[in-house]
N, C-alpha and C. Protein backbone atom coordinates (compact mmCIF):
# COMPACT_ATOMS: atom_id res chain seq x y z
N MET A 1 -18.01 16.14 -4.51
CA MET A 1 -17.73 17.33 -5.20
C MET A 1 -16.39 17.19 -5.93
N LYS A 2 -16.34 17.54 -7.15
CA LYS A 2 -15.13 17.47 -7.94
C LYS A 2 -14.49 18.83 -8.10
N THR A 3 -13.19 18.86 -8.12
CA THR A 3 -12.42 20.09 -8.23
C THR A 3 -11.42 19.94 -9.38
N ASN A 4 -11.20 20.98 -10.14
CA ASN A 4 -10.22 20.95 -11.22
C ASN A 4 -8.84 21.23 -10.65
N ILE A 5 -7.83 20.61 -11.29
CA ILE A 5 -6.45 20.90 -10.94
C ILE A 5 -5.67 21.15 -12.21
N THR A 6 -4.52 21.81 -12.09
CA THR A 6 -3.69 22.07 -13.25
C THR A 6 -2.39 21.30 -13.13
N LEU A 7 -1.99 20.65 -14.18
CA LEU A 7 -0.73 19.90 -14.21
C LEU A 7 0.20 20.46 -15.28
N ARG A 8 1.48 20.41 -15.01
CA ARG A 8 2.46 20.84 -15.99
C ARG A 8 3.20 19.59 -16.44
N MET A 9 3.13 19.31 -17.75
CA MET A 9 3.80 18.15 -18.28
C MET A 9 4.39 18.52 -19.65
N GLU A 10 5.36 17.73 -20.04
CA GLU A 10 5.97 17.92 -21.36
C GLU A 10 4.90 17.69 -22.42
N GLN A 11 5.00 18.44 -23.53
CA GLN A 11 4.02 18.29 -24.60
C GLN A 11 3.98 16.88 -25.17
N GLN A 12 5.15 16.28 -25.29
CA GLN A 12 5.19 14.94 -25.85
C GLN A 12 4.45 13.93 -24.94
N LEU A 13 4.60 14.09 -23.65
CA LEU A 13 3.90 13.23 -22.70
C LEU A 13 2.38 13.42 -22.82
N ILE A 14 1.96 14.65 -22.93
CA ILE A 14 0.51 14.94 -23.05
C ILE A 14 0.00 14.32 -24.35
N ARG A 15 0.76 14.45 -25.42
CA ARG A 15 0.32 13.87 -26.73
C ARG A 15 0.17 12.35 -26.61
N GLU A 16 1.17 11.71 -26.00
CA GLU A 16 1.12 10.27 -25.85
C GLU A 16 -0.03 9.84 -24.89
N ALA A 17 -0.26 10.65 -23.88
CA ALA A 17 -1.34 10.35 -22.93
C ALA A 17 -2.69 10.46 -23.63
N ARG A 18 -2.86 11.44 -24.51
CA ARG A 18 -4.12 11.58 -25.26
C ARG A 18 -4.34 10.39 -26.18
N ILE A 19 -3.27 9.92 -26.82
CA ILE A 19 -3.36 8.74 -27.70
C ILE A 19 -3.75 7.52 -26.89
N LEU A 20 -3.10 7.33 -25.74
CA LEU A 20 -3.41 6.20 -24.87
C LEU A 20 -4.83 6.24 -24.37
N ALA A 21 -5.27 7.43 -23.96
CA ALA A 21 -6.65 7.57 -23.48
C ALA A 21 -7.63 7.29 -24.60
N ALA A 22 -7.33 7.73 -25.80
CA ALA A 22 -8.25 7.46 -26.93
C ALA A 22 -8.32 5.96 -27.21
N LYS A 23 -7.20 5.29 -27.12
CA LYS A 23 -7.17 3.84 -27.34
C LYS A 23 -8.02 3.12 -26.29
N ARG A 24 -8.04 3.67 -25.08
CA ARG A 24 -8.82 3.05 -23.98
C ARG A 24 -10.24 3.54 -23.93
N GLY A 25 -10.58 4.49 -24.83
CA GLY A 25 -11.94 4.98 -24.86
C GLY A 25 -12.30 5.88 -23.68
N THR A 26 -11.34 6.63 -23.17
CA THR A 26 -11.57 7.48 -22.03
C THR A 26 -10.84 8.81 -22.27
N SER A 27 -10.85 9.64 -21.27
CA SER A 27 -10.16 10.94 -21.36
C SER A 27 -8.91 10.87 -20.52
N VAL A 28 -8.00 11.82 -20.80
CA VAL A 28 -6.77 11.90 -20.01
C VAL A 28 -7.14 12.21 -18.56
N SER A 29 -8.09 13.07 -18.36
CA SER A 29 -8.53 13.43 -17.03
C SER A 29 -9.03 12.18 -16.27
N ARG A 30 -9.91 11.39 -16.90
CA ARG A 30 -10.44 10.23 -16.25
C ARG A 30 -9.36 9.17 -15.98
N MET A 31 -8.44 9.05 -16.93
CA MET A 31 -7.33 8.10 -16.78
C MET A 31 -6.46 8.47 -15.61
N LEU A 32 -6.12 9.76 -15.49
CA LEU A 32 -5.30 10.21 -14.34
C LEU A 32 -6.07 10.06 -13.03
N ALA A 33 -7.33 10.39 -13.01
CA ALA A 33 -8.15 10.27 -11.81
C ALA A 33 -8.17 8.82 -11.34
N THR A 34 -8.35 7.91 -12.27
CA THR A 34 -8.40 6.49 -11.94
C THR A 34 -7.09 5.99 -11.33
N GLN A 35 -5.98 6.43 -11.93
CA GLN A 35 -4.68 6.07 -11.41
C GLN A 35 -4.41 6.66 -9.99
N LEU A 36 -4.80 7.89 -9.82
CA LEU A 36 -4.63 8.52 -8.51
C LEU A 36 -5.48 7.84 -7.45
N GLU A 37 -6.72 7.49 -7.83
CA GLU A 37 -7.59 6.78 -6.86
C GLU A 37 -6.97 5.46 -6.47
N ALA A 38 -6.41 4.73 -7.42
CA ALA A 38 -5.76 3.44 -7.14
C ALA A 38 -4.55 3.64 -6.20
N LEU A 39 -3.78 4.66 -6.42
CA LEU A 39 -2.61 4.94 -5.57
C LEU A 39 -3.05 5.28 -4.13
N VAL A 40 -4.09 6.07 -4.00
CA VAL A 40 -4.58 6.43 -2.68
C VAL A 40 -5.14 5.21 -1.95
N ARG A 41 -5.94 4.41 -2.66
CA ARG A 41 -6.50 3.21 -2.07
C ARG A 41 -5.38 2.25 -1.61
N ALA A 42 -4.34 2.07 -2.43
CA ALA A 42 -3.23 1.19 -2.10
C ALA A 42 -2.50 1.71 -0.85
N GLU A 43 -2.29 3.00 -0.80
CA GLU A 43 -1.60 3.59 0.36
C GLU A 43 -2.43 3.40 1.63
N LYS A 44 -3.74 3.59 1.55
CA LYS A 44 -4.62 3.40 2.72
C LYS A 44 -4.60 1.94 3.16
N ALA A 45 -4.66 1.02 2.19
CA ALA A 45 -4.63 -0.39 2.54
C ALA A 45 -3.31 -0.79 3.19
N TYR A 46 -2.23 -0.25 2.67
CA TYR A 46 -0.92 -0.54 3.25
C TYR A 46 -0.84 -0.03 4.69
N GLU A 47 -1.30 1.20 4.92
CA GLU A 47 -1.26 1.77 6.27
C GLU A 47 -2.12 0.97 7.23
N ALA A 48 -3.31 0.54 6.78
CA ALA A 48 -4.16 -0.27 7.65
C ALA A 48 -3.49 -1.62 7.98
N ALA A 49 -2.86 -2.25 7.01
CA ALA A 49 -2.17 -3.53 7.25
C ALA A 49 -0.99 -3.30 8.18
N ARG A 50 -0.31 -2.18 8.02
CA ARG A 50 0.84 -1.90 8.89
C ARG A 50 0.37 -1.73 10.34
N ARG A 51 -0.73 -1.00 10.53
CA ARG A 51 -1.25 -0.80 11.89
C ARG A 51 -1.67 -2.13 12.50
N ARG A 52 -2.35 -3.02 11.71
CA ARG A 52 -2.74 -4.31 12.23
C ARG A 52 -1.50 -5.12 12.63
N ALA A 53 -0.47 -5.12 11.80
CA ALA A 53 0.74 -5.88 12.09
C ALA A 53 1.43 -5.35 13.35
N LEU A 54 1.47 -4.06 13.51
CA LEU A 54 2.11 -3.50 14.70
C LEU A 54 1.33 -3.86 15.97
N ARG A 55 -0.02 -3.86 15.87
CA ARG A 55 -0.84 -4.28 17.02
C ARG A 55 -0.55 -5.73 17.39
N ARG A 56 -0.44 -6.55 16.36
CA ARG A 56 -0.16 -8.00 16.63
C ARG A 56 1.18 -8.18 17.29
N ILE A 57 2.19 -7.41 16.81
CA ILE A 57 3.52 -7.49 17.40
C ILE A 57 3.50 -7.02 18.85
N GLU A 58 2.81 -5.93 19.12
CA GLU A 58 2.74 -5.42 20.50
C GLU A 58 2.03 -6.39 21.40
N LYS A 59 0.98 -7.04 20.90
CA LYS A 59 0.22 -7.99 21.72
C LYS A 59 1.07 -9.24 21.94
N GLY A 60 1.77 -9.71 20.92
CA GLY A 60 2.58 -10.88 21.04
C GLY A 60 1.77 -12.15 20.83
N TYR A 61 2.44 -13.28 20.84
CA TYR A 61 1.82 -14.58 20.66
C TYR A 61 2.26 -15.51 21.77
N ASP A 62 1.34 -16.30 22.29
CA ASP A 62 1.69 -17.32 23.27
C ASP A 62 2.12 -18.57 22.54
N LEU A 63 3.42 -18.85 22.59
CA LEU A 63 3.95 -20.02 21.87
C LEU A 63 4.03 -21.24 22.77
N GLY A 64 3.56 -21.10 24.00
CA GLY A 64 3.53 -22.25 24.90
C GLY A 64 4.88 -22.63 25.46
N TRP A 65 5.88 -21.77 25.32
CA TRP A 65 7.23 -22.09 25.80
C TRP A 65 7.39 -21.64 27.23
N THR A 66 8.02 -22.48 28.02
CA THR A 66 8.34 -22.11 29.39
C THR A 66 9.84 -22.24 29.56
N PRO A 67 10.47 -21.32 30.23
CA PRO A 67 11.90 -21.39 30.41
C PRO A 67 12.29 -22.55 31.32
N PRO A 68 13.46 -23.15 31.13
CA PRO A 68 13.88 -24.22 31.99
C PRO A 68 14.08 -23.76 33.43
N GLN A 69 13.92 -24.63 34.37
CA GLN A 69 14.01 -24.28 35.78
C GLN A 69 15.45 -23.98 36.20
N ASP A 70 16.40 -24.78 35.68
CA ASP A 70 17.80 -24.56 36.07
C ASP A 70 18.72 -24.96 34.89
N ARG A 71 20.00 -24.78 35.13
CA ARG A 71 20.99 -25.06 34.08
C ARG A 71 21.00 -26.49 33.66
N ASP A 72 20.86 -27.40 34.60
CA ASP A 72 20.89 -28.86 34.29
C ASP A 72 19.72 -29.23 33.38
N GLU A 73 18.56 -28.69 33.67
CA GLU A 73 17.40 -28.98 32.82
C GLU A 73 17.57 -28.43 31.41
N LEU A 74 18.22 -27.31 31.35
CA LEU A 74 18.51 -26.69 30.06
C LEU A 74 19.40 -27.59 29.19
N HIS A 75 20.36 -28.27 29.82
CA HIS A 75 21.31 -29.06 29.07
C HIS A 75 20.94 -30.54 29.08
N ASP A 76 19.76 -30.89 29.60
CA ASP A 76 19.29 -32.28 29.57
C ASP A 76 19.10 -32.74 28.14
N ARG A 77 19.60 -33.92 27.83
CA ARG A 77 19.45 -34.40 26.46
C ARG A 77 18.74 -35.69 26.43
């Protein structure tokens, strides 16, 4: 379902947007909708990647390291 919205913009910006839309063979409405969809998709993708990264950090990684038994072993060369 599509819903109309109202935007307030400077007349010069609207004029330039109409020219740009005409050059692209589309409408200002479609051009704005496409850009908003891209912004929302990018934000969702970022949040999903952030959640995945945080889960990996919380889980941690086994690097196969074991701490030395004593001070002498630590300084063994």
